[in-house]
Amino acid sequence: MNENISKKRMMRKLIFESLFQLSVKDVKLEDILFTFEKLNERVRLEESYYLEAKQYIEDIYKNKNEYDELIKKYSIDWSIERIGNIEKTVMRIFIYELINKKDIPIKVILNESTELTKTYATQKAAAFVNGIMDKIARSQASIM
């Protein structure tokens, strides 16, 4: 595996583990960043990945409601409350990438969302996330 892909994947895992709190309880950005700092003590991301991860966390925190509206819109027959916390957290990260990281191909975003979901949930959950992310990606592609 390409070393940069591996570093990016580790960065996403730390982002996921930090942001997961958003689905469990009402939490402040400072608390999420504190969690991120503690998690990073084990991994020690390179500075560029560390700064990028902080940007992801801050932007996703700020735009959570907007991202959840997209999830709601494209998860037909599923209320946002019925979607698992793991799946919601993964989808928020990848909606952020879809909107803000034009240098990452959509296929890579979809693949990484599937892999991250498999890491923390199940194959079935990964297929669910992939289906919703595919719909969101198609809708965003027509807007862009």
C-alpha atoms as a PDB file:
ATOM      1  CA  MET A   1       0.000   0.000   0.000  1.00  0.00           C
ATOM      2  CA  ASN A   2       1.209   3.472  -0.843  1.00  0.00           C
ATOM      3  CA  GLU A   3       2.692   5.088   2.281  1.00  0.00           C
ATOM      4  CA  ASN A   4       0.663   8.284   1.792  1.00  0.00           C
ATOM      5  CA  ILE A   5      -2.564   6.264   1.539  1.00  0.00           C
ATOM      6  CA  SER A   6      -1.653   4.494   4.756  1.00  0.00           C
ATOM      7  CA  LYS A   7      -0.969   7.817   6.504  1.00  0.00           C
ATOM      8  CA  LYS A   8      -4.215   9.288   5.168  1.00  0.00           C
ATOM      9  CA  ARG A   9      -6.125   6.212   6.332  1.00  0.00           C
ATOM     10  CA  MET A  10      -4.630   6.556   9.825  1.00  0.00           C
ATOM     11  CA  MET A  11      -5.568  10.237   9.813  1.00  0.00           C
ATOM     12  CA  ARG A  12      -9.167   9.312   8.932  1.00  0.00           C
ATOM     13  CA  LYS A  13      -9.281   6.773  11.757  1.00  0.00           C
ATOM     14  CA  LEU A  14      -8.220   9.410  14.277  1.00  0.00           C
ATOM     15  CA  ILE A  15     -10.767  11.837  12.857  1.00  0.00           C
ATOM     16  CA  PHE A  16     -13.456   9.160  13.107  1.00  0.00           C
ATOM     17  CA  GLU A  17     -12.564   8.206  16.679  1.00  0.00           C
ATOM     18  CA  SER A  18     -12.547  11.868  17.713  1.00  0.00           C
ATOM     19  CA  LEU A  19     -15.805  12.814  15.965  1.00  0.00           C
ATOM     20  CA  PHE A  20     -17.699   9.707  17.066  1.00  0.00           C
ATOM     21  CA  GLN A  21     -18.563  11.601  20.267  1.00  0.00           C
ATOM     22  CA  LEU A  22     -20.860  13.874  18.226  1.00  0.00           C
ATOM     23  CA  SER A  23     -23.303  11.028  17.746  1.00  0.00           C
ATOM     24  CA  VAL A  24     -23.274   9.894  21.340  1.00  0.00           C
ATOM     25  CA  LYS A  25     -23.645  13.131  23.280  1.00  0.00           C
ATOM     26  CA  ASP A  26     -23.706  16.884  22.996  1.00  0.00           C
ATOM     27  CA  VAL A  27     -20.027  17.724  23.014  1.00  0.00           C
ATOM     28  CA  LYS A  28     -17.968  20.866  22.509  1.00  0.00           C
ATOM     29  CA  LEU A  29     -15.367  21.252  19.805  1.00  0.00           C
ATOM     30  CA  GLU A  30     -12.683  21.652  22.484  1.00  0.00           C
ATOM     31  CA  ASP A  31     -13.554  18.204  23.873  1.00  0.00           C
ATOM     32  CA  ILE A  32     -13.307  16.607  20.442  1.00  0.00           C
ATOM     33  CA  LEU A  33      -9.957  18.273  19.796  1.00  0.00           C
ATOM     34  CA  PHE A  34      -8.757  17.109  23.224  1.00  0.00           C
ATOM     35  CA  THR A  35      -9.687  13.540  22.295  1.00  0.00           C
ATOM     36  CA  PHE A  36      -7.893  13.953  18.985  1.00  0.00           C
ATOM     37  CA  GLU A  37      -4.757  15.185  20.785  1.00  0.00           C
ATOM     38  CA  LYS A  38      -4.815  12.165  23.116  1.00  0.00           C
ATOM     39  CA  LEU A  39      -5.311   9.729  20.246  1.00  0.00           C
ATOM     40  CA  ASN A  40      -2.536  11.375  18.266  1.00  0.00           C
ATOM     41  CA  GLU A  41      -0.101  10.858  21.147  1.00  0.00           C
ATOM     42  CA  ARG A  42      -0.152   7.147  20.268  1.00  0.00           C
ATOM     43  CA  VAL A  43       0.195   7.580  16.514  1.00  0.00           C
ATOM     44  CA  ARG A  44       2.025  10.875  16.082  1.00  0.00           C
ATOM     45  CA  LEU A  45       0.777  11.966  12.679  1.00  0.00           C
ATOM     46  CA  GLU A  46       3.189  13.992  10.586  1.00  0.00           C
ATOM     47  CA  GLU A  47       2.503  17.704  11.017  1.00  0.00           C
ATOM     48  CA  SER A  48       0.796  18.144   7.643  1.00  0.00           C
ATOM     49  CA  TYR A  49      -1.625  15.266   8.385  1.00  0.00           C
ATOM     50  CA  TYR A  50      -2.114  16.497  11.945  1.00  0.00           C
ATOM     51  CA  LEU A  51      -3.087  19.992  10.750  1.00  0.00           C
ATOM     52  CA  GLU A  52      -5.304  18.569   8.025  1.00  0.00           C
ATOM     53  CA  ALA A  53      -7.074  16.326  10.536  1.00  0.00           C
ATOM     54  CA  LYS A  54      -7.741  19.278  12.833  1.00  0.00           C
ATOM     55  CA  GLN A  55      -9.246  21.147   9.880  1.00  0.00           C
ATOM     56  CA  TYR A  56     -11.516  18.180   9.098  1.00  0.00           C
ATOM     57  CA  ILE A  57     -12.677  18.020  12.722  1.00  0.00           C
ATOM     58  CA  GLU A  58     -13.359  21.747  13.002  1.00  0.00           C
ATOM     59  CA  ASP A  59     -15.245  21.913   9.694  1.00  0.00           C
ATOM     60  CA  ILE A  60     -17.279  18.759  10.283  1.00  0.00           C
ATOM     61  CA  TYR A  61     -18.201  19.965  13.762  1.00  0.00           C
ATOM     62  CA  LYS A  62     -19.304  23.311  12.355  1.00  0.00           C
ATOM     63  CA  ASN A  63     -21.261  21.776   9.435  1.00  0.00           C
ATOM     64  CA  LYS A  64     -22.682  18.669  11.150  1.00  0.00           C
ATOM     65  CA  ASN A  65     -26.314  19.720  10.700  1.00  0.00           C
ATOM     66  CA  GLU A  66     -25.822  20.467   6.996  1.00  0.00           C
ATOM     67  CA  TYR A  67     -24.159  17.072   6.488  1.00  0.00           C
ATOM     68  CA  ASP A  68     -26.923  15.326   8.426  1.00  0.00           C
ATOM     69  CA  GLU A  69     -29.495  16.971   6.141  1.00  0.00           C
ATOM     70  CA  LEU A  70     -27.729  15.435   3.133  1.00  0.00           C
ATOM     71  CA  ILE A  71     -27.686  12.048   4.850  1.00  0.00           C
ATOM     72  CA  LYS A  72     -31.414  12.375   5.604  1.00  0.00           C
ATOM     73  CA  LYS A  73     -32.202  13.393   2.048  1.00  0.00           C
ATOM     74  CA  TYR A  74     -30.478  10.378   0.486  1.00  0.00           C
ATOM     75  CA  SER A  75     -31.212   7.685   3.065  1.00  0.00           C
ATOM     76  CA  ILE A  76     -34.687   7.003   1.754  1.00  0.00           C
ATOM     77  CA  ASP A  77     -36.920   5.127   4.219  1.00  0.00           C
ATOM     78  CA  TRP A  78     -34.382   5.655   7.009  1.00  0.00           C
ATOM     79  CA  SER A  79     -34.728   8.436   9.549  1.00  0.00           C
ATOM     80  CA  ILE A  80     -31.425   9.888  10.733  1.00  0.00           C
ATOM     81  CA  GLU A  81     -32.197   8.528  14.211  1.00  0.00           C
ATOM     82  CA  ARG A  82     -32.298   4.958  12.850  1.00  0.00           C
ATOM     83  CA  ILE A  83     -28.864   5.228  11.244  1.00  0.00           C
ATOM     84  CA  GLY A  84     -26.101   3.889  13.448  1.00  0.00           C
ATOM     85  CA  ASN A  85     -23.620   6.283  15.026  1.00  0.00           C
ATOM     86  CA  ILE A  86     -20.700   4.641  13.258  1.00  0.00           C
ATOM     87  CA  GLU A  87     -22.353   5.048   9.883  1.00  0.00           C
ATOM     88  CA  LYS A  88     -23.317   8.690  10.540  1.00  0.00           C
ATOM     89  CA  THR A  89     -19.795   9.556  11.646  1.00  0.00           C
ATOM     90  CA  VAL A  90     -18.236   7.931   8.577  1.00  0.00           C
ATOM     91  CA  MET A  91     -20.687   9.656   6.248  1.00  0.00           C
ATOM     92  CA  ARG A  92     -19.990  13.079   7.801  1.00  0.00           C
ATOM     93  CA  ILE A  93     -16.268  12.632   7.175  1.00  0.00           C
ATOM     94  CA  PHE A  94     -16.776  11.641   3.583  1.00  0.00           C
ATOM     95  CA  ILE A  95     -19.349  14.311   2.828  1.00  0.00           C
ATOM     96  CA  TYR A  96     -16.727  16.752   4.055  1.00  0.00           C
ATOM     97  CA  GLU A  97     -14.197  15.234   1.646  1.00  0.00           C
ATOM     98  CA  LEU A  98     -16.647  15.189  -1.220  1.00  0.00           C
ATOM     99  CA  ILE A  99     -17.382  18.883  -0.801  1.00  0.00           C
ATOM    100  CA  ASN A 100     -13.949  20.163   0.248  1.00  0.00           C
ATOM    101  CA  LYS A 101     -11.293  17.822  -1.151  1.00  0.00           C
ATOM    102  CA  LYS A 102     -11.587  18.134  -4.926  1.00  0.00           C
ATOM    103  CA  ASP A 103      -8.128  16.550  -5.286  1.00  0.00           C
ATOM    104  CA  ILE A 104      -9.441  13.204  -3.993  1.00  0.00           C
ATOM    105  CA  PRO A 105     -11.240  11.167  -6.674  1.00  0.00           C
ATOM    106  CA  ILE A 106     -14.838  10.270  -5.778  1.00  0.00           C
ATOM    107  CA  LYS A 107     -14.051   6.558  -6.193  1.00  0.00           C
ATOM    108  CA  VAL A 108     -11.329   6.882  -3.542  1.00  0.00           C
ATOM    109  CA  ILE A 109     -13.716   8.678  -1.175  1.00  0.00           C
ATOM    110  CA  LEU A 110     -16.318   5.926  -1.644  1.00  0.00           C
ATOM    111  CA  ASN A 111     -13.751   3.167  -1.180  1.00  0.00           C
ATOM    112  CA  GLU A 112     -12.285   4.747   1.938  1.00  0.00           C
ATOM    113  CA  SER A 113     -15.747   5.255   3.462  1.00  0.00           C
ATOM    114  CA  THR A 114     -16.481   1.580   2.871  1.00  0.00           C
ATOM    115  CA  GLU A 115     -13.172   0.471   4.391  1.00  0.00           C
ATOM    116  CA  LEU A 116     -13.556   2.721   7.428  1.00  0.00           C
ATOM    117  CA  THR A 117     -17.080   1.432   8.012  1.00  0.00           C
ATOM    118  CA  LYS A 118     -15.866  -2.173   7.781  1.00  0.00           C
ATOM    119  CA  THR A 119     -13.195  -1.370  10.372  1.00  0.00           C
ATOM    120  CA  TYR A 120     -15.717  -0.183  12.962  1.00  0.00           C
ATOM    121  CA  ALA A 121     -18.967  -1.903  11.913  1.00  0.00           C
ATOM    122  CA  THR A 122     -20.003  -4.671   9.522  1.00  0.00           C
ATOM    123  CA  GLN A 123     -19.948  -5.481   5.833  1.00  0.00           C
ATOM    124  CA  LYS A 124     -23.702  -4.832   5.731  1.00  0.00           C
ATOM    125  CA  ALA A 125     -23.201  -1.394   7.319  1.00  0.00           C
ATOM    126  CA  ALA A 126     -20.445  -0.679   4.790  1.00  0.00           C
ATOM    127  CA  ALA A 127     -22.792  -1.512   1.909  1.00  0.00           C
ATOM    128  CA  PHE A 128     -25.432   0.804   3.422  1.00  0.00           C
ATOM    129  CA  VAL A 129     -22.930   3.667   3.757  1.00  0.00           C
ATOM    130  CA  ASN A 130     -21.622   3.064   0.258  1.00  0.00           C
ATOM    131  CA  GLY A 131     -25.128   3.228  -1.180  1.00  0.00           C
ATOM    132  CA  ILE A 132     -25.942   6.536   0.492  1.00  0.00           C
ATOM    133  CA  MET A 133     -22.524   8.013  -0.279  1.00  0.00           C
ATOM    134  CA  ASP A 134     -22.911   7.002  -3.929  1.00  0.00           C
ATOM    135  CA  LYS A 135     -26.251   8.852  -4.128  1.00  0.00           C
ATOM    136  CA  ILE A 136     -24.763  11.929  -2.439  1.00  0.00           C
ATOM    137  CA  ALA A 137     -21.709  11.841  -4.721  1.00  0.00           C
ATOM    138  CA  ARG A 138     -23.918  11.674  -7.824  1.00  0.00           C
ATOM    139  CA  SER A 139     -26.047  14.571  -6.597  1.00  0.00           C
ATOM    140  CA  GLN A 140     -22.985  16.684  -5.776  1.00  0.00           C
ATOM    141  CA  ALA A 141     -21.383  15.885  -9.135  1.00  0.00           C
ATOM    142  CA  SER A 142     -24.408  17.346 -10.891  1.00  0.00           C
ATOM    143  CA  ILE A 143     -24.185  20.483  -8.728  1.00  0.00           C
ATOM    144  CA  MET A 144     -20.440  21.016  -9.151  1.00  0.00           C
END
